[in-house]
């Protein structure tokens, strides 16, 4: 095995275990470019359909999510545990089971569909808020929840949005801003906006049950 192949294998292991930071900068330069070739498909496909109660929107996949081709795949990310804790899923799903969220009328997307990495590593021009707005117009979910303040700021086009439900809508869709579930943002963590978002979804579920 040559040096580049060995480092790429090491990077894959680091991504899966959440230890990406232990790679030396020189080793990272030997990895493939973060920006795929033109015409490359989404690194992690959108999970969208008409009639959803909620769509979660982040900035971009982490290295771990890119390696796993699954949303919020870093072991230190609290996304899947939080969905279960607030009652949006009946059990804690693994990242690889993310397509099952459609069964609970929940979707997933990112602002940046062509790069992976931490927010400071991503290209500003690849944060495609216009594409997000077009998806909301096409699929018409009841709500969109940004999984960090940075994602919300980019998606809404304004700085420092508060946590929780926003006064304005986005393309006619209710908007929630959540505390980031990333392990790197643990000092800013609060479950309250996630509970508020879950209450919105659970109320819609109860309304459908009453009408059935």
N, C-alpha and C. Protein backbone atom coordinates (compact mmCIF):
# COMPACT_ATOMS: atom_id res chain seq x y z
N UNK A 1 0.85 -1.20 0.00
CA UNK A 1 0.00 0.00 0.00
C UNK A 1 0.88 1.24 0.00
N UNK A 2 0.63 2.19 -0.93
CA UNK A 2 1.45 3.39 -0.97
C UNK A 2 1.03 4.36 0.13
N UNK A 3 1.83 5.46 0.29
CA UNK A 3 1.60 6.37 1.41
C UNK A 3 0.25 7.06 1.32
N UNK A 4 -0.13 7.50 0.12
CA UNK A 4 -1.40 8.19 -0.03
C UNK A 4 -2.57 7.27 0.32
N UNK A 5 -2.52 6.03 -0.15
CA UNK A 5 -3.59 5.07 0.15
C UNK A 5 -3.68 4.81 1.65
N UNK A 6 -2.51 4.70 2.29
CA UNK A 6 -2.50 4.46 3.73
C UNK A 6 -3.12 5.63 4.48
N UNK A 7 -2.79 6.86 4.07
CA UNK A 7 -3.34 8.04 4.75
C UNK A 7 -4.84 8.15 4.51
N UNK A 8 -5.30 7.82 3.29
CA UNK A 8 -6.73 7.86 3.01
C UNK A 8 -7.48 6.85 3.86
N UNK A 9 -6.89 5.67 4.05
CA UNK A 9 -7.53 4.69 4.92
C UNK A 9 -7.57 5.20 6.36
N UNK A 10 -6.47 5.80 6.81
CA UNK A 10 -6.41 6.37 8.15
C UNK A 10 -7.46 7.46 8.33
N UNK A 11 -7.66 8.28 7.29
CA UNK A 11 -8.65 9.35 7.35
C UNK A 11 -10.05 8.80 7.49
N UNK A 12 -10.31 7.69 6.79
CA UNK A 12 -11.63 7.07 6.89
C UNK A 12 -11.90 6.60 8.30
N UNK A 13 -10.89 5.99 8.94
CA UNK A 13 -11.03 5.53 10.32
C UNK A 13 -11.25 6.72 11.25
N UNK A 14 -10.46 7.79 11.04
CA UNK A 14 -10.61 8.99 11.88
C UNK A 14 -12.00 9.57 11.76
N UNK A 15 -12.55 9.59 10.55
CA UNK A 15 -13.87 10.15 10.33
C UNK A 15 -14.93 9.35 11.06
N UNK A 16 -14.81 8.02 10.99
CA UNK A 16 -15.84 7.18 11.62
C UNK A 16 -15.80 7.28 13.13
N UNK A 17 -14.61 7.47 13.71
CA UNK A 17 -14.51 7.49 15.17
C UNK A 17 -14.52 8.89 15.74
N UNK A 18 -14.61 9.91 14.87
CA UNK A 18 -14.66 11.28 15.35
C UNK A 18 -13.31 11.86 15.72
N UNK A 19 -12.23 11.25 15.24
CA UNK A 19 -10.88 11.70 15.60
C UNK A 19 -10.19 12.38 14.44
N UNK A 20 -10.96 13.06 13.60
CA UNK A 20 -10.41 13.72 12.41
C UNK A 20 -9.28 14.67 12.77
N UNK A 21 -9.38 15.32 13.91
CA UNK A 21 -8.41 16.33 14.29
C UNK A 21 -7.02 15.80 14.56
N UNK A 22 -6.83 14.49 14.72
CA UNK A 22 -5.50 13.98 15.03
C UNK A 22 -4.63 13.87 13.80
N UNK A 23 -5.21 14.01 12.60
CA UNK A 23 -4.40 13.98 11.39
C UNK A 23 -3.57 15.25 11.28
N UNK A 24 -2.32 15.10 10.91
CA UNK A 24 -1.45 16.27 10.73
C UNK A 24 -1.83 17.00 9.45
N UNK A 25 -1.65 18.34 9.41
CA UNK A 25 -2.00 19.10 8.21
C UNK A 25 -1.37 18.55 6.94
N UNK A 26 -0.12 18.11 6.99
CA UNK A 26 0.54 17.59 5.80
C UNK A 26 -0.16 16.34 5.29
N UNK A 27 -0.67 15.51 6.23
CA UNK A 27 -1.38 14.31 5.82
C UNK A 27 -2.69 14.67 5.14
N UNK A 28 -3.36 15.72 5.63
CA UNK A 28 -4.63 16.12 5.05
C UNK A 28 -4.47 16.60 3.61
N UNK A 29 -3.32 17.17 3.31
CA UNK A 29 -3.12 17.68 1.95
C UNK A 29 -3.04 16.56 0.94
N UNK A 30 -2.81 15.34 1.39
CA UNK A 30 -2.72 14.21 0.48
C UNK A 30 -4.08 13.56 0.23
N UNK A 31 -5.11 14.05 0.90
CA UNK A 31 -6.45 13.53 0.70
C UNK A 31 -7.10 14.16 -0.52
N UNK A 32 -8.16 13.53 -1.06
CA UNK A 32 -8.86 14.14 -2.20
C UNK A 32 -9.39 15.50 -1.83
N UNK A 33 -9.56 16.39 -2.84
CA UNK A 33 -10.11 17.71 -2.61
C UNK A 33 -11.50 17.60 -2.01
N UNK A 34 -11.86 18.56 -1.14
CA UNK A 34 -13.20 18.57 -0.55
C UNK A 34 -14.25 18.86 -1.61
N UNK A 35 -13.88 19.60 -2.65
CA UNK A 35 -14.85 19.93 -3.68
C UNK A 35 -14.83 18.88 -4.77
N UNK A 36 -15.93 18.13 -4.95
CA UNK A 36 -15.96 17.10 -5.98
C UNK A 36 -15.90 17.71 -7.37
N UNK A 37 -15.66 16.87 -8.35
CA UNK A 37 -15.64 17.32 -9.73
C UNK A 37 -17.01 17.81 -10.15
N UNK A 38 -17.05 18.69 -11.12
CA UNK A 38 -18.31 19.23 -11.63
C UNK A 38 -19.19 18.08 -12.10
N UNK A 39 -20.48 18.18 -11.74
CA UNK A 39 -21.42 17.13 -12.13
C UNK A 39 -21.51 16.01 -11.11
N UNK A 40 -20.70 16.09 -10.03
CA UNK A 40 -20.75 15.08 -8.99
C UNK A 40 -22.10 15.12 -8.29
N UNK A 41 -22.63 13.95 -7.96
CA UNK A 41 -23.90 13.91 -7.25
C UNK A 41 -23.70 14.41 -5.82
N UNK A 42 -24.81 14.70 -5.15
CA UNK A 42 -24.74 15.14 -3.77
C UNK A 42 -23.94 14.15 -2.93
N UNK A 43 -23.11 14.67 -2.03
CA UNK A 43 -22.31 13.79 -1.18
C UNK A 43 -23.20 12.91 -0.31
N UNK A 44 -24.23 13.50 0.26
CA UNK A 44 -25.27 12.75 0.98
C UNK A 44 -26.60 13.21 0.39
N UNK A 45 -27.38 12.30 -0.18
CA UNK A 45 -28.60 12.72 -0.89
C UNK A 45 -29.61 13.42 0.01
N UNK A 46 -30.36 14.34 -0.56
CA UNK A 46 -31.49 14.93 0.15
C UNK A 46 -32.49 13.85 0.51
N UNK A 47 -33.15 14.04 1.63
CA UNK A 47 -34.27 13.18 2.02
C UNK A 47 -35.51 14.08 2.07
N UNK A 48 -36.19 14.18 0.94
CA UNK A 48 -37.30 15.11 0.79
C UNK A 48 -38.46 14.45 0.06
N UNK A 49 -39.66 14.91 0.37
CA UNK A 49 -40.88 14.42 -0.27
C UNK A 49 -41.98 15.43 0.04
N UNK A 50 -43.03 15.45 -0.76
CA UNK A 50 -44.15 16.36 -0.46
C UNK A 50 -44.84 15.98 0.84
N UNK A 51 -45.39 16.98 1.52
CA UNK A 51 -46.24 16.74 2.68
C UNK A 51 -45.53 16.43 3.98
N UNK A 52 -44.26 16.79 4.11
CA UNK A 52 -43.53 16.53 5.35
C UNK A 52 -43.94 17.51 6.44
N UNK A 53 -43.85 17.07 7.68
CA UNK A 53 -44.09 17.96 8.81
C UNK A 53 -42.88 18.86 9.07
N UNK A 54 -41.68 18.33 8.80
CA UNK A 54 -40.46 19.04 9.18
C UNK A 54 -39.30 18.61 8.31
N UNK A 55 -38.48 19.57 7.93
CA UNK A 55 -37.21 19.30 7.25
C UNK A 55 -36.09 19.91 8.08
N UNK A 56 -35.11 19.09 8.45
CA UNK A 56 -33.92 19.58 9.12
C UNK A 56 -32.91 20.03 8.08
N UNK A 57 -32.27 21.17 8.31
CA UNK A 57 -31.28 21.68 7.39
C UNK A 57 -30.01 22.08 8.14
N UNK A 58 -28.89 21.46 7.75
CA UNK A 58 -27.60 21.82 8.32
C UNK A 58 -26.76 22.59 7.32
N UNK A 59 -25.48 22.76 7.61
CA UNK A 59 -24.60 23.46 6.68
C UNK A 59 -24.04 22.50 5.64
N UNK A 60 -23.37 21.43 6.08
CA UNK A 60 -22.75 20.46 5.16
C UNK A 60 -22.41 19.21 5.95
N UNK A 61 -22.18 18.09 5.27
CA UNK A 61 -21.77 16.88 5.98
C UNK A 61 -20.41 17.05 6.66
N UNK A 62 -20.25 16.42 7.79
CA UNK A 62 -18.94 16.35 8.42
C UNK A 62 -18.10 15.31 7.69
N UNK A 63 -16.79 15.24 7.95
CA UNK A 63 -16.00 14.17 7.36
C UNK A 63 -16.56 12.78 7.66
N UNK A 64 -17.07 12.60 8.89
CA UNK A 64 -17.64 11.30 9.25
C UNK A 64 -18.89 11.00 8.44
N UNK A 65 -19.73 12.01 8.24
CA UNK A 65 -20.95 11.81 7.45
C UNK A 65 -20.63 11.56 5.98
N UNK A 66 -19.61 12.23 5.48
CA UNK A 66 -19.18 11.98 4.10
C UNK A 66 -18.68 10.55 3.95
N UNK A 67 -17.88 10.08 4.92
CA UNK A 67 -17.35 8.72 4.86
C UNK A 67 -18.47 7.69 4.94
N UNK A 68 -19.47 7.96 5.78
CA UNK A 68 -20.58 7.02 5.97
C UNK A 68 -21.70 7.21 4.96
N UNK A 69 -21.67 8.35 4.21
CA UNK A 69 -22.76 8.71 3.30
C UNK A 69 -24.09 8.71 4.06
N UNK A 70 -24.06 9.32 5.24
CA UNK A 70 -25.25 9.37 6.10
C UNK A 70 -25.21 10.65 6.91
N UNK A 71 -26.38 11.16 7.26
CA UNK A 71 -26.48 12.42 8.00
C UNK A 71 -26.08 12.25 9.46
N UNK A 72 -25.36 13.27 9.98
CA UNK A 72 -25.02 13.37 11.41
C UNK A 72 -24.40 12.07 11.93
N UNK A 73 -23.37 11.60 11.21
CA UNK A 73 -22.80 10.29 11.49
C UNK A 73 -21.65 10.30 12.49
N UNK A 74 -21.15 11.48 12.86
CA UNK A 74 -20.08 11.52 13.85
C UNK A 74 -20.60 11.00 15.19
N UNK A 75 -19.90 10.07 15.83
CA UNK A 75 -20.38 9.54 17.12
C UNK A 75 -20.60 10.61 18.18
N UNK A 76 -19.89 11.74 18.07
CA UNK A 76 -20.06 12.81 19.04
C UNK A 76 -21.24 13.71 18.77
N UNK A 77 -21.95 13.49 17.66
CA UNK A 77 -23.09 14.33 17.31
C UNK A 77 -24.35 13.79 17.99
N UNK A 78 -25.09 14.68 18.64
CA UNK A 78 -26.26 14.27 19.43
C UNK A 78 -27.56 14.26 18.63
N UNK A 79 -27.51 14.43 17.32
CA UNK A 79 -28.73 14.57 16.52
C UNK A 79 -29.69 13.40 16.72
N UNK A 80 -29.21 12.19 16.51
CA UNK A 80 -30.12 11.03 16.54
C UNK A 80 -30.62 10.75 17.95
N UNK A 81 -29.77 10.93 18.95
CA UNK A 81 -30.21 10.76 20.33
C UNK A 81 -31.27 11.80 20.70
N UNK A 82 -31.10 13.01 20.19
CA UNK A 82 -32.05 14.08 20.51
C UNK A 82 -33.40 13.85 19.86
N UNK A 83 -33.41 13.39 18.60
CA UNK A 83 -34.69 13.08 17.95
C UNK A 83 -35.51 12.12 18.80
N UNK A 84 -34.85 11.12 19.34
CA UNK A 84 -35.56 10.15 20.19
C UNK A 84 -35.95 10.78 21.52
N UNK A 85 -35.07 11.58 22.10
CA UNK A 85 -35.32 12.17 23.42
C UNK A 85 -36.54 13.09 23.41
N UNK A 86 -36.76 13.82 22.30
CA UNK A 86 -37.88 14.75 22.24
C UNK A 86 -39.14 14.13 21.63
N UNK A 87 -39.07 12.83 21.30
CA UNK A 87 -40.26 12.12 20.86
C UNK A 87 -40.52 12.14 19.37
N UNK A 88 -39.56 12.56 18.56
CA UNK A 88 -39.78 12.58 17.11
C UNK A 88 -39.60 11.21 16.47
N UNK A 89 -38.84 10.32 17.11
CA UNK A 89 -38.71 8.94 16.65
C UNK A 89 -38.95 8.01 17.84
N UNK A 90 -39.56 6.86 17.62
CA UNK A 90 -39.88 5.95 18.73
C UNK A 90 -38.66 5.23 19.29
N UNK A 91 -37.56 5.27 18.57
CA UNK A 91 -36.31 4.68 19.04
C UNK A 91 -35.15 5.51 18.50
N UNK A 92 -33.97 5.28 19.05
CA UNK A 92 -32.80 6.00 18.54
C UNK A 92 -32.31 5.30 17.27
N UNK A 93 -32.37 6.00 16.16
CA UNK A 93 -31.91 5.45 14.90
C UNK A 93 -30.41 5.61 14.76
N UNK A 94 -29.79 4.70 14.02
CA UNK A 94 -28.40 4.89 13.62
C UNK A 94 -28.38 5.81 12.40
N UNK A 95 -27.28 6.51 12.15
CA UNK A 95 -27.22 7.40 10.98
C UNK A 95 -27.55 6.70 9.66
N UNK A 96 -27.15 5.45 9.53
CA UNK A 96 -27.41 4.73 8.28
C UNK A 96 -28.89 4.47 8.03
N UNK A 97 -29.70 4.62 9.06
CA UNK A 97 -31.15 4.42 8.92
C UNK A 97 -31.89 5.72 8.61
N UNK A 98 -31.14 6.75 8.24
CA UNK A 98 -31.78 8.06 8.03
C UNK A 98 -32.95 8.05 7.05
N UNK A 99 -32.96 7.18 5.98
CA UNK A 99 -34.12 7.20 5.07
C UNK A 99 -35.44 6.87 5.76
N UNK A 100 -35.37 6.19 6.92
CA UNK A 100 -36.59 5.82 7.63
C UNK A 100 -37.34 7.04 8.17
N UNK A 101 -36.67 8.18 8.26
CA UNK A 101 -37.34 9.38 8.79
C UNK A 101 -38.54 9.78 7.96
N UNK A 102 -38.52 9.46 6.67
CA UNK A 102 -39.68 9.80 5.84
C UNK A 102 -40.96 9.17 6.38
N UNK A 103 -40.83 8.02 7.02
CA UNK A 103 -41.99 7.36 7.61
C UNK A 103 -42.62 8.16 8.73
N UNK A 104 -41.87 9.08 9.31
CA UNK A 104 -42.39 9.98 10.36
C UNK A 104 -42.56 11.40 9.81
N UNK A 105 -42.58 11.51 8.50
CA UNK A 105 -42.78 12.80 7.81
C UNK A 105 -41.70 13.83 8.17
N UNK A 106 -40.48 13.35 8.25
CA UNK A 106 -39.33 14.21 8.53
C UNK A 106 -38.33 14.08 7.39
N UNK A 107 -37.79 15.21 6.94
CA UNK A 107 -36.81 15.22 5.86
C UNK A 107 -35.48 15.80 6.31
N UNK A 108 -34.48 15.67 5.43
CA UNK A 108 -33.13 16.13 5.72
C UNK A 108 -32.50 16.77 4.49
N UNK A 109 -31.77 17.84 4.71
CA UNK A 109 -30.99 18.45 3.62
C UNK A 109 -29.87 19.28 4.25
N UNK A 110 -29.03 19.84 3.39
CA UNK A 110 -27.96 20.74 3.82
C UNK A 110 -27.90 21.92 2.87
N UNK A 111 -27.35 23.02 3.33
CA UNK A 111 -27.16 24.17 2.46
C UNK A 111 -26.07 23.91 1.41
N UNK A 112 -25.02 23.22 1.82
CA UNK A 112 -23.90 22.91 0.94
C UNK A 112 -23.97 21.43 0.58
N UNK A 113 -24.28 21.13 -0.67
CA UNK A 113 -24.44 19.74 -1.09
C UNK A 113 -23.23 19.22 -1.84
N UNK A 114 -22.17 20.00 -1.96
CA UNK A 114 -21.03 19.59 -2.77
C UNK A 114 -19.71 19.52 -2.01
N UNK A 115 -19.70 19.88 -0.73
CA UNK A 115 -18.48 19.85 0.06
C UNK A 115 -18.77 19.21 1.42
N UNK A 116 -17.70 18.80 2.10
CA UNK A 116 -17.85 18.31 3.47
C UNK A 116 -16.78 18.95 4.33
N UNK A 117 -17.03 18.98 5.64
CA UNK A 117 -16.05 19.55 6.56
C UNK A 117 -16.70 20.46 7.57
N UNK A 118 -15.89 21.03 8.44
CA UNK A 118 -16.37 22.01 9.42
C UNK A 118 -16.75 23.30 8.70
N UNK A 119 -17.58 24.10 9.33
CA UNK A 119 -18.08 25.31 8.67
C UNK A 119 -16.96 26.22 8.17
N UNK A 120 -15.89 26.36 8.95
CA UNK A 120 -14.83 27.28 8.56
C UNK A 120 -14.01 26.76 7.37
N UNK A 121 -14.18 25.48 7.03
CA UNK A 121 -13.46 24.90 5.91
C UNK A 121 -14.23 24.99 4.59
N UNK A 122 -15.48 25.40 4.64
CA UNK A 122 -16.36 25.35 3.48
C UNK A 122 -16.31 26.64 2.67
N UNK A 123 -16.62 26.53 1.38
CA UNK A 123 -16.63 27.69 0.49
C UNK A 123 -17.93 28.48 0.67
N UNK A 124 -17.80 29.78 0.79
CA UNK A 124 -18.98 30.63 0.96
C UNK A 124 -19.93 30.49 -0.23
N UNK A 125 -19.38 30.38 -1.45
CA UNK A 125 -20.25 30.33 -2.63
C UNK A 125 -21.01 29.01 -2.73
N UNK A 126 -20.56 27.99 -1.99
CA UNK A 126 -21.24 26.69 -2.05
C UNK A 126 -22.39 26.58 -1.05
N UNK A 127 -22.55 27.58 -0.20
CA UNK A 127 -23.68 27.61 0.73
C UNK A 127 -24.89 28.13 -0.05
N UNK A 128 -25.70 27.21 -0.53
CA UNK A 128 -26.71 27.53 -1.54
C UNK A 128 -28.09 27.75 -0.93
N UNK A 129 -28.28 28.92 -0.36
CA UNK A 129 -29.58 29.24 0.25
C UNK A 129 -30.68 29.27 -0.80
N UNK A 130 -30.37 29.73 -2.00
CA UNK A 130 -31.39 29.80 -3.05
C UNK A 130 -31.92 28.42 -3.38
N UNK A 131 -31.04 27.43 -3.39
CA UNK A 131 -31.48 26.06 -3.66
C UNK A 131 -32.39 25.55 -2.54
N UNK A 132 -32.05 25.89 -1.30
CA UNK A 132 -32.91 25.51 -0.18
C UNK A 132 -34.29 26.13 -0.35
N UNK A 133 -34.35 27.41 -0.68
CA UNK A 133 -35.64 28.08 -0.85
C UNK A 133 -36.45 27.40 -1.95
N UNK A 134 -35.78 27.00 -3.03
CA UNK A 134 -36.47 26.32 -4.14
C UNK A 134 -37.03 24.97 -3.68
N UNK A 135 -36.28 24.27 -2.84
CA UNK A 135 -36.76 22.98 -2.32
C UNK A 135 -37.99 23.17 -1.44
N UNK A 136 -37.97 24.22 -0.63
CA UNK A 136 -39.14 24.49 0.22
C UNK A 136 -40.37 24.82 -0.62
N UNK A 137 -40.18 25.57 -1.70
CA UNK A 137 -41.31 25.89 -2.58
C UNK A 137 -41.82 24.62 -3.28
N UNK A 138 -40.91 23.74 -3.64
CA UNK A 138 -41.30 22.52 -4.37
C UNK A 138 -42.01 21.52 -3.47
N UNK A 139 -41.47 21.27 -2.28
CA UNK A 139 -41.99 20.18 -1.44
C UNK A 139 -42.98 20.65 -0.38
N UNK A 140 -42.99 21.94 -0.07
CA UNK A 140 -43.96 22.53 0.85
C UNK A 140 -44.07 21.80 2.19
N UNK A 141 -42.97 21.62 2.92
CA UNK A 141 -43.08 21.06 4.27
C UNK A 141 -43.79 22.06 5.18
N UNK A 142 -44.27 21.58 6.31
CA UNK A 142 -44.91 22.49 7.27
C UNK A 142 -43.87 23.38 7.95
N UNK A 143 -42.65 22.87 8.13
CA UNK A 143 -41.62 23.64 8.84
C UNK A 143 -40.23 23.21 8.39
N UNK A 144 -39.29 24.13 8.57
CA UNK A 144 -37.87 23.83 8.39
C UNK A 144 -37.16 24.18 9.68
N UNK A 145 -36.24 23.31 10.12
CA UNK A 145 -35.48 23.55 11.35
C UNK A 145 -34.00 23.54 11.01
N UNK A 146 -33.34 24.65 11.24
CA UNK A 146 -31.91 24.75 11.01
C UNK A 146 -31.17 24.18 12.21
N UNK A 147 -30.21 23.31 11.97
CA UNK A 147 -29.55 22.61 13.08
C UNK A 147 -28.34 23.35 13.63
N UNK A 148 -28.26 24.62 13.38
CA UNK A 148 -27.26 25.49 14.03
C UNK A 148 -27.63 26.93 13.72
N UNK A 149 -27.12 27.85 14.52
CA UNK A 149 -27.35 29.27 14.24
C UNK A 149 -26.66 29.70 12.96
N UNK A 150 -25.51 29.10 12.65
CA UNK A 150 -24.82 29.45 11.42
C UNK A 150 -25.64 29.04 10.20
N UNK A 151 -26.19 27.83 10.22
CA UNK A 151 -27.04 27.39 9.12
C UNK A 151 -28.25 28.31 8.98
N UNK A 152 -28.84 28.69 10.11
CA UNK A 152 -30.01 29.58 10.08
C UNK A 152 -29.64 30.94 9.51
N UNK A 153 -28.51 31.48 9.93
CA UNK A 153 -28.08 32.78 9.44
C UNK A 153 -27.89 32.76 7.93
N UNK A 154 -27.27 31.71 7.42
CA UNK A 154 -27.05 31.59 5.98
C UNK A 154 -28.36 31.34 5.23
N UNK A 155 -29.21 30.51 5.79
CA UNK A 155 -30.47 30.18 5.12
C UNK A 155 -31.48 31.31 5.13
N UNK A 156 -31.47 32.09 6.20
CA UNK A 156 -32.43 33.18 6.34
C UNK A 156 -31.89 34.51 5.82
N UNK A 157 -30.57 34.59 5.68
CA UNK A 157 -29.97 35.82 5.20
C UNK A 157 -29.92 36.92 6.24
N UNK A 158 -29.80 36.56 7.50
CA UNK A 158 -29.66 37.57 8.56
C UNK A 158 -28.82 37.00 9.69
N UNK A 159 -28.18 37.88 10.43
CA UNK A 159 -27.25 37.47 11.46
C UNK A 159 -27.94 37.18 12.78
N UNK A 160 -27.33 36.27 13.53
CA UNK A 160 -27.68 35.99 14.92
C UNK A 160 -29.17 35.77 15.18
N UNK A 161 -29.81 34.84 14.49
CA UNK A 161 -31.21 34.54 14.83
C UNK A 161 -31.28 33.88 16.20
N UNK A 162 -32.35 34.12 16.90
CA UNK A 162 -32.53 33.53 18.22
C UNK A 162 -32.95 32.06 18.08
N UNK A 163 -32.72 31.28 19.13
CA UNK A 163 -33.19 29.91 19.13
C UNK A 163 -34.71 29.87 19.18
N UNK A 164 -35.28 28.79 18.66
CA UNK A 164 -36.71 28.58 18.72
C UNK A 164 -37.42 28.96 17.44
N UNK A 165 -38.75 29.07 17.54
CA UNK A 165 -39.55 29.41 16.36
C UNK A 165 -39.37 30.89 16.02
N UNK A 166 -39.22 31.16 14.74
CA UNK A 166 -39.01 32.53 14.27
C UNK A 166 -40.35 33.20 13.95
N UNK A 167 -40.37 34.50 14.07
CA UNK A 167 -41.61 35.24 13.80
C UNK A 167 -41.98 35.18 12.33
N UNK A 168 -40.97 35.19 11.45
CA UNK A 168 -41.25 35.16 10.01
C UNK A 168 -41.22 33.73 9.49
N UNK A 169 -41.80 33.54 8.31
CA UNK A 169 -41.73 32.25 7.62
C UNK A 169 -40.69 32.35 6.51
N UNK A 170 -40.36 31.21 5.94
CA UNK A 170 -39.44 31.14 4.81
C UNK A 170 -40.15 30.40 3.69
N UNK A 171 -40.46 31.11 2.62
CA UNK A 171 -41.25 30.55 1.51
C UNK A 171 -42.58 29.99 2.02
N UNK A 172 -43.16 30.68 3.01
CA UNK A 172 -44.43 30.25 3.57
C UNK A 172 -44.34 29.10 4.55
N UNK A 173 -43.12 28.73 4.93
CA UNK A 173 -42.88 27.58 5.81
C UNK A 173 -42.45 28.08 7.19
N UNK A 174 -42.97 27.49 8.25
CA UNK A 174 -42.56 27.85 9.61
C UNK A 174 -41.07 27.56 9.79
N UNK A 175 -40.39 28.39 10.58
CA UNK A 175 -38.93 28.28 10.74
C UNK A 175 -38.58 28.12 12.22
N UNK A 176 -37.70 27.14 12.47
CA UNK A 176 -37.15 26.93 13.81
C UNK A 176 -35.63 26.98 13.72
N UNK A 177 -35.00 27.52 14.76
CA UNK A 177 -33.54 27.54 14.86
C UNK A 177 -33.16 26.72 16.09
N UNK A 178 -32.30 25.73 15.88
CA UNK A 178 -31.93 24.79 16.92
C UNK A 178 -30.49 24.98 17.36
N UNK A 179 -30.21 24.58 18.59
CA UNK A 179 -28.82 24.51 19.04
C UNK A 179 -28.13 23.38 18.30
N UNK A 180 -26.90 23.61 17.88
CA UNK A 180 -26.17 22.60 17.12
C UNK A 180 -25.96 21.34 17.95
N UNK A 181 -26.25 20.15 17.37
CA UNK A 181 -26.00 18.90 18.08
C UNK A 181 -24.55 18.44 17.99
N UNK A 182 -23.71 19.17 17.26
CA UNK A 182 -22.30 18.80 17.11
C UNK A 182 -21.59 18.79 18.45
N UNK A 183 -20.70 17.83 18.62
CA UNK A 183 -19.92 17.77 19.84
C UNK A 183 -19.05 18.99 20.04
N UNK A 184 -18.65 19.63 18.95
CA UNK A 184 -17.81 20.82 19.04
C UNK A 184 -18.58 22.03 19.59
N UNK A 185 -19.90 21.96 19.54
CA UNK A 185 -20.72 23.08 20.01
C UNK A 185 -21.41 22.77 21.34
N UNK A 186 -20.87 21.80 22.08
CA UNK A 186 -21.54 21.35 23.30
C UNK A 186 -21.71 22.46 24.32
N UNK A 187 -20.80 23.42 24.37
CA UNK A 187 -20.91 24.49 25.37
C UNK A 187 -22.11 25.40 25.11
N UNK A 188 -22.66 25.36 23.88
CA UNK A 188 -23.83 26.17 23.55
C UNK A 188 -25.12 25.35 23.53
N UNK A 189 -25.03 24.10 23.96
CA UNK A 189 -26.15 23.19 23.80
C UNK A 189 -27.32 23.54 24.71
N UNK A 190 -28.51 23.49 24.15
CA UNK A 190 -29.75 23.57 24.92
C UNK A 190 -30.80 22.74 24.20
N UNK A 191 -31.56 21.97 24.96
CA UNK A 191 -32.57 21.10 24.38
C UNK A 191 -33.88 21.83 24.10
N UNK A 192 -34.08 22.97 24.72
CA UNK A 192 -35.38 23.65 24.66
C UNK A 192 -35.88 23.91 23.24
N UNK A 193 -35.08 24.47 22.32
CA UNK A 193 -35.62 24.69 20.97
C UNK A 193 -35.96 23.40 20.25
N UNK A 194 -35.29 22.32 20.58
CA UNK A 194 -35.63 21.02 20.01
C UNK A 194 -37.00 20.55 20.53
N UNK A 195 -37.25 20.80 21.81
CA UNK A 195 -38.56 20.44 22.37
C UNK A 195 -39.67 21.27 21.72
N UNK A 196 -39.41 22.55 21.49
CA UNK A 196 -40.40 23.41 20.85
C UNK A 196 -40.71 22.91 19.44
N UNK A 197 -39.68 22.53 18.71
CA UNK A 197 -39.87 22.01 17.35
C UNK A 197 -40.64 20.69 17.39
N UNK A 198 -40.28 19.83 18.31
CA UNK A 198 -40.97 18.54 18.42
C UNK A 198 -42.44 18.74 18.77
N UNK A 199 -42.76 19.70 19.62
CA UNK A 199 -44.15 19.96 19.99
C UNK A 199 -44.96 20.35 18.75
N UNK A 200 -44.36 21.13 17.86
CA UNK A 200 -45.02 21.52 16.62
C UNK A 200 -45.35 20.28 15.77
N UNK A 201 -44.37 19.39 15.64
CA UNK A 201 -44.58 18.18 14.84
C UNK A 201 -45.58 17.24 15.49
N UNK A 202 -45.46 17.04 16.80
CA UNK A 202 -46.35 16.12 17.50
C UNK A 202 -47.80 16.60 17.46
N UNK A 203 -48.01 17.90 17.49
CA UNK A 203 -49.36 18.44 17.37
C UNK A 203 -49.95 18.12 16.00
N UNK A 204 -49.16 18.20 14.97
CA UNK A 204 -49.63 17.85 13.62
C UNK A 204 -49.97 16.36 13.54
N UNK A 205 -49.16 15.53 14.16
CA UNK A 205 -49.44 14.10 14.17
C UNK A 205 -50.76 13.81 14.90
N UNK A 206 -50.97 14.49 16.02
CA UNK A 206 -52.20 14.29 16.78
C UNK A 206 -53.42 14.76 15.99
N UNK A 207 -53.28 15.84 15.26
CA UNK A 207 -54.38 16.33 14.43
C UNK A 207 -54.76 15.30 13.37
N UNK A 208 -53.77 14.68 12.76
CA UNK A 208 -54.09 13.65 11.75
C UNK A 208 -54.77 12.45 12.38
N UNK A 209 -54.34 12.09 13.59
CA UNK A 209 -54.97 10.96 14.27
C UNK A 209 -56.43 11.26 14.60
N UNK A 210 -56.70 12.49 15.02
CA UNK A 210 -58.08 12.87 15.34
C UNK A 210 -58.97 12.88 14.11
N UNK A 211 -58.37 13.20 12.97
CA UNK A 211 -59.14 13.28 11.73
C UNK A 211 -59.29 11.94 11.04
N UNK A 212 -58.51 10.95 11.48
CA UNK A 212 -58.54 9.63 10.82
C UNK A 212 -59.83 8.90 11.13
